[in-house]
Amino acid sequence: MTDRFHRQSNRLKGYDYTRAGAYYVTVCTPDRSHLFGEVVDERMALNALGKVVQQCWDAVPEHMPMVVLDECIVMPNHIHGIVVITEQADVPPPVGAGNFPPLRGVEPDPTEPPPDDPDAPRKRPIAIMVKNSLGHIMQTFKAAVSRQVYREGLLPRGTPVWQRGYYEHIIRNQAEWMRIAKYIRDNPANWEKDRFNR
C-alpha cells in the first residue's frame, strides 16, 4: 500500500472556494455490496475492481480539463471525493444565479419510454445532461469504470457496478473543505462505525 491517500492536496491557487464550484461527492455500489476491496488495519486494500475505480477517477481531468480532483478514497462499497469545476458548464446559468448551478447526475433509464412516444406513461421527467456539469462528470466516470470492468472480465457484462445517481454537497468555504477532506482521509480508520459499512 502506498501513501497515495495521504498525498498533498492539489488545490487551485487563487480559486475562490466560497463560490459553488467545489463539490463533495459519494458514489455507492448497488445494495452497498463490497466490490472494491477491504479495510485492513485501518487502511484500504483495493482489489482489481477497486484499482479500476481509482484509475478512472484519477483520469477524469485528462478527459475533462476543467476538473481538478482533490482528496478521494475508494472504500469497499463507495468512493468519496472532492471535485472542483474550474469553468462554467456549457450553458448559461439561470437568471439571478451568480454561481455554478448545483446539478445532480441523472443516468439514462432504460425503462423510460422513447421521447417520440407521447402516449406512453412517464415515470418522471427526462433530465437533460449539461455538458461539463457535475452530473456529466459523474456519469462519464461511472460509465468508464463499468466499461473497463466488463472489458477486463472483472464482472459479467451488464452486472451493475454502481447504484443510480450519486450524493453531492456544495463546499461553501475553506473550513468546510478542510473538514470534508479530513473525513475522506480518515474514512478507512473510521470504517467500523461508518454508516456505509453494512
C-alpha atoms as a PDB file:
ATOM      1  CA  MET A   1       0.000   0.000   0.000  1.00  0.00           C
ATOM      2  CA  THR A   2       1.349   3.405  -0.901  1.00  0.00           C
ATOM      3  CA  ASP A   3       0.777   6.717   0.792  1.00  0.00           C
ATOM      4  CA  ARG A   4      -1.406   7.959  -2.091  1.00  0.00           C
ATOM      5  CA  PHE A   5      -4.453   8.611   0.111  1.00  0.00           C
ATOM      6  CA  HIS A   6      -2.392  10.927   2.308  1.00  0.00           C
ATOM      7  CA  ARG A   7      -0.890  12.868  -0.578  1.00  0.00           C
ATOM      8  CA  GLN A   8      -0.586  16.637  -0.683  1.00  0.00           C
ATOM      9  CA  SER A   9      -3.722  18.378  -1.897  1.00  0.00           C
ATOM     10  CA  ASN A  10      -3.581  19.941  -5.365  1.00  0.00           C
ATOM     11  CA  ARG A  11      -5.940  22.844  -4.759  1.00  0.00           C
ATOM     12  CA  LEU A  12      -6.021  25.635  -7.344  1.00  0.00           C
ATOM     13  CA  LYS A  13      -4.154  28.752  -6.266  1.00  0.00           C
ATOM     14  CA  GLY A  14      -6.316  31.855  -6.344  1.00  0.00           C
ATOM     15  CA  TYR A  15      -9.593  29.919  -6.687  1.00  0.00           C
ATOM     16  CA  ASP A  16     -12.462  31.369  -4.646  1.00  0.00           C
ATOM     17  CA  TYR A  17     -13.554  28.354  -2.617  1.00  0.00           C
ATOM     18  CA  THR A  18     -16.615  30.201  -1.277  1.00  0.00           C
ATOM     19  CA  ARG A  19     -18.374  30.014  -4.642  1.00  0.00           C
ATOM     20  CA  ALA A  20     -20.300  26.891  -5.652  1.00  0.00           C
ATOM     21  CA  GLY A  21     -17.575  25.283  -7.742  1.00  0.00           C
ATOM     22  CA  ALA A  22     -16.260  22.660  -5.312  1.00  0.00           C
ATOM     23  CA  TYR A  23     -18.310  19.539  -4.651  1.00  0.00           C
ATOM     24  CA  TYR A  24     -18.059  16.664  -2.200  1.00  0.00           C
ATOM     25  CA  VAL A  25     -19.410  13.573  -3.975  1.00  0.00           C
ATOM     26  CA  THR A  26     -20.137   9.993  -2.936  1.00  0.00           C
ATOM     27  CA  VAL A  27     -20.959   7.146  -5.324  1.00  0.00           C
ATOM     28  CA  CYS A  28     -22.079   3.763  -3.963  1.00  0.00           C
ATOM     29  CA  THR A  29     -22.272   0.205  -5.240  1.00  0.00           C
ATOM     30  CA  PRO A  30     -25.679  -1.481  -5.612  1.00  0.00           C
ATOM     31  CA  ASP A  31     -27.001  -2.555  -2.203  1.00  0.00           C
ATOM     32  CA  ARG A  32     -23.699  -1.294  -0.757  1.00  0.00           C
ATOM     33  CA  SER A  33     -22.021  -4.531  -1.857  1.00  0.00           C
ATOM     34  CA  HIS A  34     -18.317  -4.716  -1.011  1.00  0.00           C
ATOM     35  CA  LEU A  35     -16.942  -4.820  -4.561  1.00  0.00           C
ATOM     36  CA  PHE A  36     -13.779  -2.712  -4.339  1.00  0.00           C
ATOM     37  CA  GLY A  37     -11.672  -4.407  -1.653  1.00  0.00           C
ATOM     38  CA  GLU A  38     -11.500  -4.352   2.124  1.00  0.00           C
ATOM     39  CA  VAL A  39     -10.234  -2.296   5.024  1.00  0.00           C
ATOM     40  CA  VAL A  40      -7.221  -3.965   6.672  1.00  0.00           C
ATOM     41  CA  ASP A  41      -5.559  -2.417   9.735  1.00  0.00           C
ATOM     42  CA  GLU A  42      -7.438   0.859   9.150  1.00  0.00           C
ATOM     43  CA  ARG A  43      -6.162   1.137   5.566  1.00  0.00           C
ATOM     44  CA  MET A  44      -7.997   0.451   2.326  1.00  0.00           C
ATOM     45  CA  ALA A  45      -6.698  -2.542   0.358  1.00  0.00           C
ATOM     46  CA  LEU A  46      -8.053  -2.246  -3.186  1.00  0.00           C
ATOM     47  CA  ASN A  47      -8.812  -5.359  -5.194  1.00  0.00           C
ATOM     48  CA  ALA A  48      -8.634  -5.406  -9.023  1.00  0.00           C
ATOM     49  CA  LEU A  49     -12.055  -3.779  -9.376  1.00  0.00           C
ATOM     50  CA  GLY A  50     -11.178  -1.110  -6.814  1.00  0.00           C
ATOM     51  CA  LYS A  51      -7.986  -0.329  -8.730  1.00  0.00           C
ATOM     52  CA  VAL A  52     -10.047   0.253 -11.883  1.00  0.00           C
ATOM     53  CA  VAL A  53     -12.238   2.690  -9.928  1.00  0.00           C
ATOM     54  CA  GLN A  54      -9.146   4.555  -8.689  1.00  0.00           C
ATOM     55  CA  GLN A  55      -7.572   4.684 -12.164  1.00  0.00           C
ATOM     56  CA  CYS A  56     -10.764   6.001 -13.790  1.00  0.00           C
ATOM     57  CA  TRP A  57     -11.177   8.615 -11.038  1.00  0.00           C
ATOM     58  CA  ASP A  58      -7.589   9.802 -11.429  1.00  0.00           C
ATOM     59  CA  ALA A  59      -8.084  10.032 -15.214  1.00  0.00           C
ATOM     60  CA  VAL A  60     -11.103  12.393 -15.066  1.00  0.00           C
ATOM     61  CA  PRO A  61      -9.009  15.593 -15.523  1.00  0.00           C
ATOM     62  CA  GLU A  62      -7.311  14.085 -18.594  1.00  0.00           C
ATOM     63  CA  HIS A  63     -10.702  13.916 -20.315  1.00  0.00           C
ATOM     64  CA  MET A  64     -12.243  16.998 -18.685  1.00  0.00           C
ATOM     65  CA  PRO A  65      -9.579  19.693 -18.255  1.00  0.00           C
ATOM     66  CA  MET A  66     -11.983  21.990 -16.375  1.00  0.00           C
ATOM     67  CA  VAL A  67     -11.930  19.481 -13.472  1.00  0.00           C
ATOM     68  CA  VAL A  68      -9.419  19.374 -10.624  1.00  0.00           C
ATOM     69  CA  LEU A  69      -9.611  16.488  -8.159  1.00  0.00           C
ATOM     70  CA  ASP A  70      -8.712  16.903  -4.508  1.00  0.00           C
ATOM     71  CA  GLU A  71      -8.965  14.301  -1.718  1.00  0.00           C
ATOM     72  CA  CYS A  72     -10.559  10.982  -2.589  1.00  0.00           C
ATOM     73  CA  ILE A  73     -10.821   7.480  -1.184  1.00  0.00           C
ATOM     74  CA  VAL A  74     -12.138   4.281  -2.738  1.00  0.00           C
ATOM     75  CA  MET A  75     -13.801   2.269   0.016  1.00  0.00           C
ATOM     76  CA  PRO A  76     -15.205  -1.314  -0.144  1.00  0.00           C
ATOM     77  CA  ASN A  77     -18.620  -0.161  -1.380  1.00  0.00           C
ATOM     78  CA  HIS A  78     -18.316   3.526  -2.298  1.00  0.00           C
ATOM     79  CA  ILE A  79     -15.996   6.312  -3.327  1.00  0.00           C
ATOM     80  CA  HIS A  80     -15.777   9.732  -1.675  1.00  0.00           C
ATOM     81  CA  GLY A  81     -14.116  12.596  -3.498  1.00  0.00           C
ATOM     82  CA  ILE A  82     -13.829  16.349  -3.873  1.00  0.00           C
ATOM     83  CA  VAL A  83     -14.385  17.639  -7.411  1.00  0.00           C
ATOM     84  CA  VAL A  84     -13.579  21.226  -8.372  1.00  0.00           C
ATOM     85  CA  ILE A  85     -15.114  22.595 -11.560  1.00  0.00           C
ATOM     86  CA  THR A  86     -12.924  25.489 -12.650  1.00  0.00           C
ATOM     87  CA  GLU A  87     -15.105  26.744 -15.525  1.00  0.00           C
ATOM     88  CA  GLN A  88     -18.821  27.338 -16.039  1.00  0.00           C
ATOM     89  CA  ALA A  89     -20.684  24.460 -17.656  1.00  0.00           C
ATOM     90  CA  ASP A  90     -21.597  24.914 -21.320  1.00  0.00           C
ATOM     91  CA  VAL A  91     -24.964  26.519 -20.579  1.00  0.00           C
ATOM     92  CA  PRO A  92     -25.969  29.988 -19.339  1.00  0.00           C
ATOM     93  CA  PRO A  93     -26.811  29.952 -15.609  1.00  0.00           C
ATOM     94  CA  PRO A  94     -30.432  30.540 -14.557  1.00  0.00           C
ATOM     95  CA  VAL A  95     -31.460  34.181 -14.147  1.00  0.00           C
ATOM     96  CA  GLY A  96     -30.260  35.507 -10.802  1.00  0.00           C
ATOM     97  CA  ALA A  97     -27.780  32.724 -10.204  1.00  0.00           C
ATOM     98  CA  GLY A  98     -24.306  34.065  -9.553  1.00  0.00           C
ATOM     99  CA  ASN A  99     -22.612  30.699  -9.170  1.00  0.00           C
ATOM    100  CA  PHE A 100     -22.340  27.359 -10.880  1.00  0.00           C
ATOM    101  CA  PRO A 101     -25.745  25.660 -10.510  1.00  0.00           C
ATOM    102  CA  PRO A 102     -25.790  22.613  -8.209  1.00  0.00           C
ATOM    103  CA  LEU A 103     -26.685  19.904 -10.721  1.00  0.00           C
ATOM    104  CA  ARG A 104     -27.368  16.315  -9.798  1.00  0.00           C
ATOM    105  CA  GLY A 105     -26.364  13.482 -12.104  1.00  0.00           C
ATOM    106  CA  VAL A 106     -29.172  11.533 -13.719  1.00  0.00           C
ATOM    107  CA  GLU A 107     -28.242   8.487 -15.728  1.00  0.00           C
ATOM    108  CA  PRO A 108     -30.372   7.286 -18.658  1.00  0.00           C
ATOM    109  CA  ASP A 109     -33.119   4.950 -17.505  1.00  0.00           C
ATOM    110  CA  PRO A 110     -33.636   2.034 -19.910  1.00  0.00           C
ATOM    111  CA  THR A 111     -37.246   1.683 -18.681  1.00  0.00           C
ATOM    112  CA  GLU A 112     -38.121   5.215 -19.829  1.00  0.00           C
ATOM    113  CA  PRO A 113     -40.268   5.271 -22.981  1.00  0.00           C
ATOM    114  CA  PRO A 114     -38.682   6.919 -26.031  1.00  0.00           C
ATOM    115  CA  PRO A 115     -39.363  10.667 -26.348  1.00  0.00           C
ATOM    116  CA  ASP A 116     -41.205  10.157 -29.667  1.00  0.00           C
ATOM    117  CA  ASP A 117     -43.978   8.172 -27.941  1.00  0.00           C
ATOM    118  CA  PRO A 118     -46.243  10.901 -26.445  1.00  0.00           C
ATOM    119  CA  ASP A 119     -48.879   8.394 -25.280  1.00  0.00           C
ATOM    120  CA  ALA A 120     -46.518   6.319 -23.188  1.00  0.00           C
ATOM    121  CA  PRO A 121     -46.720   6.967 -19.423  1.00  0.00           C
ATOM    122  CA  ARG A 122     -43.614   8.531 -17.918  1.00  0.00           C
ATOM    123  CA  LYS A 123     -42.226   7.694 -14.501  1.00  0.00           C
ATOM    124  CA  ARG A 124     -40.520  11.093 -14.227  1.00  0.00           C
ATOM    125  CA  PRO A 125     -39.454  13.952 -16.495  1.00  0.00           C
ATOM    126  CA  ILE A 126     -36.418  13.293 -18.669  1.00  0.00           C
ATOM    127  CA  ALA A 127     -33.410  15.216 -17.356  1.00  0.00           C
ATOM    128  CA  ILE A 128     -31.110  16.951 -19.824  1.00  0.00           C
ATOM    129  CA  MET A 129     -27.461  16.297 -19.066  1.00  0.00           C
ATOM    130  CA  VAL A 130     -25.491  19.524 -19.344  1.00  0.00           C
ATOM    131  CA  LYS A 131     -22.031  19.013 -20.830  1.00  0.00           C
ATOM    132  CA  ASN A 132     -19.252  19.608 -18.279  1.00  0.00           C
ATOM    133  CA  SER A 133     -21.749  19.792 -15.402  1.00  0.00           C
ATOM    134  CA  LEU A 134     -21.165  17.795 -12.233  1.00  0.00           C
ATOM    135  CA  GLY A 135     -23.777  15.310 -13.442  1.00  0.00           C
ATOM    136  CA  HIS A 136     -21.946  14.875 -16.740  1.00  0.00           C
ATOM    137  CA  ILE A 137     -18.616  14.377 -14.947  1.00  0.00           C
ATOM    138  CA  MET A 138     -20.041  11.729 -12.622  1.00  0.00           C
ATOM    139  CA  GLN A 139     -21.957   9.951 -15.374  1.00  0.00           C
ATOM    140  CA  THR A 140     -18.808   9.792 -17.514  1.00  0.00           C
ATOM    141  CA  PHE A 141     -16.720   8.463 -14.615  1.00  0.00           C
ATOM    142  CA  LYS A 142     -19.240   5.767 -13.702  1.00  0.00           C
ATOM    143  CA  ALA A 143     -19.617   4.658 -17.327  1.00  0.00           C
ATOM    144  CA  ALA A 144     -15.819   4.491 -17.766  1.00  0.00           C
ATOM    145  CA  VAL A 145     -15.489   2.228 -14.716  1.00  0.00           C
ATOM    146  CA  SER A 146     -18.252  -0.089 -15.946  1.00  0.00           C
ATOM    147  CA  ARG A 147     -16.749  -0.347 -19.433  1.00  0.00           C
ATOM    148  CA  GLN A 148     -13.276  -1.204 -18.124  1.00  0.00           C
ATOM    149  CA  VAL A 149     -14.604  -3.682 -15.536  1.00  0.00           C
ATOM    150  CA  TYR A 150     -16.511  -5.572 -18.256  1.00  0.00           C
ATOM    151  CA  ARG A 151     -13.587  -5.370 -20.703  1.00  0.00           C
ATOM    152  CA  GLU A 152     -11.226  -6.871 -18.107  1.00  0.00           C
ATOM    153  CA  GLY A 153     -13.754  -9.567 -17.157  1.00  0.00           C
ATOM    154  CA  LEU A 154     -13.918  -8.488 -13.508  1.00  0.00           C
ATOM    155  CA  LEU A 155     -17.730  -8.691 -13.550  1.00  0.00           C
ATOM    156  CA  PRO A 156     -20.117 -10.286 -16.057  1.00  0.00           C
ATOM    157  CA  ARG A 157     -21.203  -7.755 -18.692  1.00  0.00           C
ATOM    158  CA  GLY A 158     -24.374  -5.962 -17.583  1.00  0.00           C
ATOM    159  CA  THR A 159     -23.776  -6.522 -13.854  1.00  0.00           C
ATOM    160  CA  PRO A 160     -24.228  -3.106 -12.232  1.00  0.00           C
ATOM    161  CA  VAL A 161     -21.156  -1.595 -10.603  1.00  0.00           C
ATOM    162  CA  TRP A 162     -22.982   1.477  -9.248  1.00  0.00           C
ATOM    163  CA  GLN A 163     -26.300   2.366  -7.732  1.00  0.00           C
ATOM    164  CA  ARG A 164     -28.260   5.013  -9.629  1.00  0.00           C
ATOM    165  CA  GLY A 165     -27.198   8.620  -9.168  1.00  0.00           C
ATOM    166  CA  TYR A 166     -24.807   9.865  -6.507  1.00  0.00           C
ATOM    167  CA  TYR A 167     -24.719  12.109  -3.443  1.00  0.00           C
ATOM    168  CA  GLU A 168     -23.324  15.617  -3.727  1.00  0.00           C
ATOM    169  CA  HIS A 169     -22.726  18.547  -1.424  1.00  0.00           C
ATOM    170  CA  ILE A 170     -21.558  22.026  -2.443  1.00  0.00           C
ATOM    171  CA  ILE A 171     -18.483  23.039  -0.457  1.00  0.00           C
ATOM    172  CA  ARG A 172     -19.053  26.671   0.516  1.00  0.00           C
ATOM    173  CA  ASN A 173     -15.910  27.722   2.381  1.00  0.00           C
ATOM    174  CA  GLN A 174     -12.365  26.710   3.275  1.00  0.00           C
ATOM    175  CA  ALA A 175     -13.234  25.445   6.773  1.00  0.00           C
ATOM    176  CA  GLU A 176     -15.848  23.089   5.349  1.00  0.00           C
ATOM    177  CA  TRP A 177     -13.367  21.975   2.664  1.00  0.00           C
ATOM    178  CA  MET A 178     -10.777  21.063   5.306  1.00  0.00           C
ATOM    179  CA  ARG A 179     -13.338  19.214   7.449  1.00  0.00           C
ATOM    180  CA  ILE A 180     -14.563  17.148   4.476  1.00  0.00           C
ATOM    181  CA  ALA A 181     -11.013  16.425   3.279  1.00  0.00           C
ATOM    182  CA  LYS A 182     -10.137  15.125   6.755  1.00  0.00           C
ATOM    183  CA  TYR A 183     -13.288  12.976   6.821  1.00  0.00           C
ATOM    184  CA  ILE A 184     -12.263  11.443   3.482  1.00  0.00           C
ATOM    185  CA  ARG A 185      -8.682  10.778   4.631  1.00  0.00           C
ATOM    186  CA  ASP A 186      -9.900   9.244   7.907  1.00  0.00           C
ATOM    187  CA  ASN A 187     -12.570   7.047   6.296  1.00  0.00           C
ATOM    188  CA  PRO A 188     -10.602   3.750   6.495  1.00  0.00           C
ATOM    189  CA  ALA A 189      -9.690   4.336  10.154  1.00  0.00           C
ATOM    190  CA  ASN A 190     -13.357   5.013  10.972  1.00  0.00           C
ATOM    191  CA  TRP A 191     -14.762   2.190   8.832  1.00  0.00           C
ATOM    192  CA  GLU A 192     -16.128   0.150  11.760  1.00  0.00           C
ATOM    193  CA  LYS A 193     -18.607   2.908  12.634  1.00  0.00           C
ATOM    194  CA  ASP A 194     -19.132   4.264   9.093  1.00  0.00           C
ATOM    195  CA  ARG A 195     -22.779   4.475   8.012  1.00  0.00           C
ATOM    196  CA  PHE A 196     -21.819   2.933   4.638  1.00  0.00           C
ATOM    197  CA  ASN A 197     -20.369  -0.165   6.340  1.00  0.00           C
ATOM    198  CA  ARG A 198     -23.157  -2.708   6.296  1.00  0.00           C
END
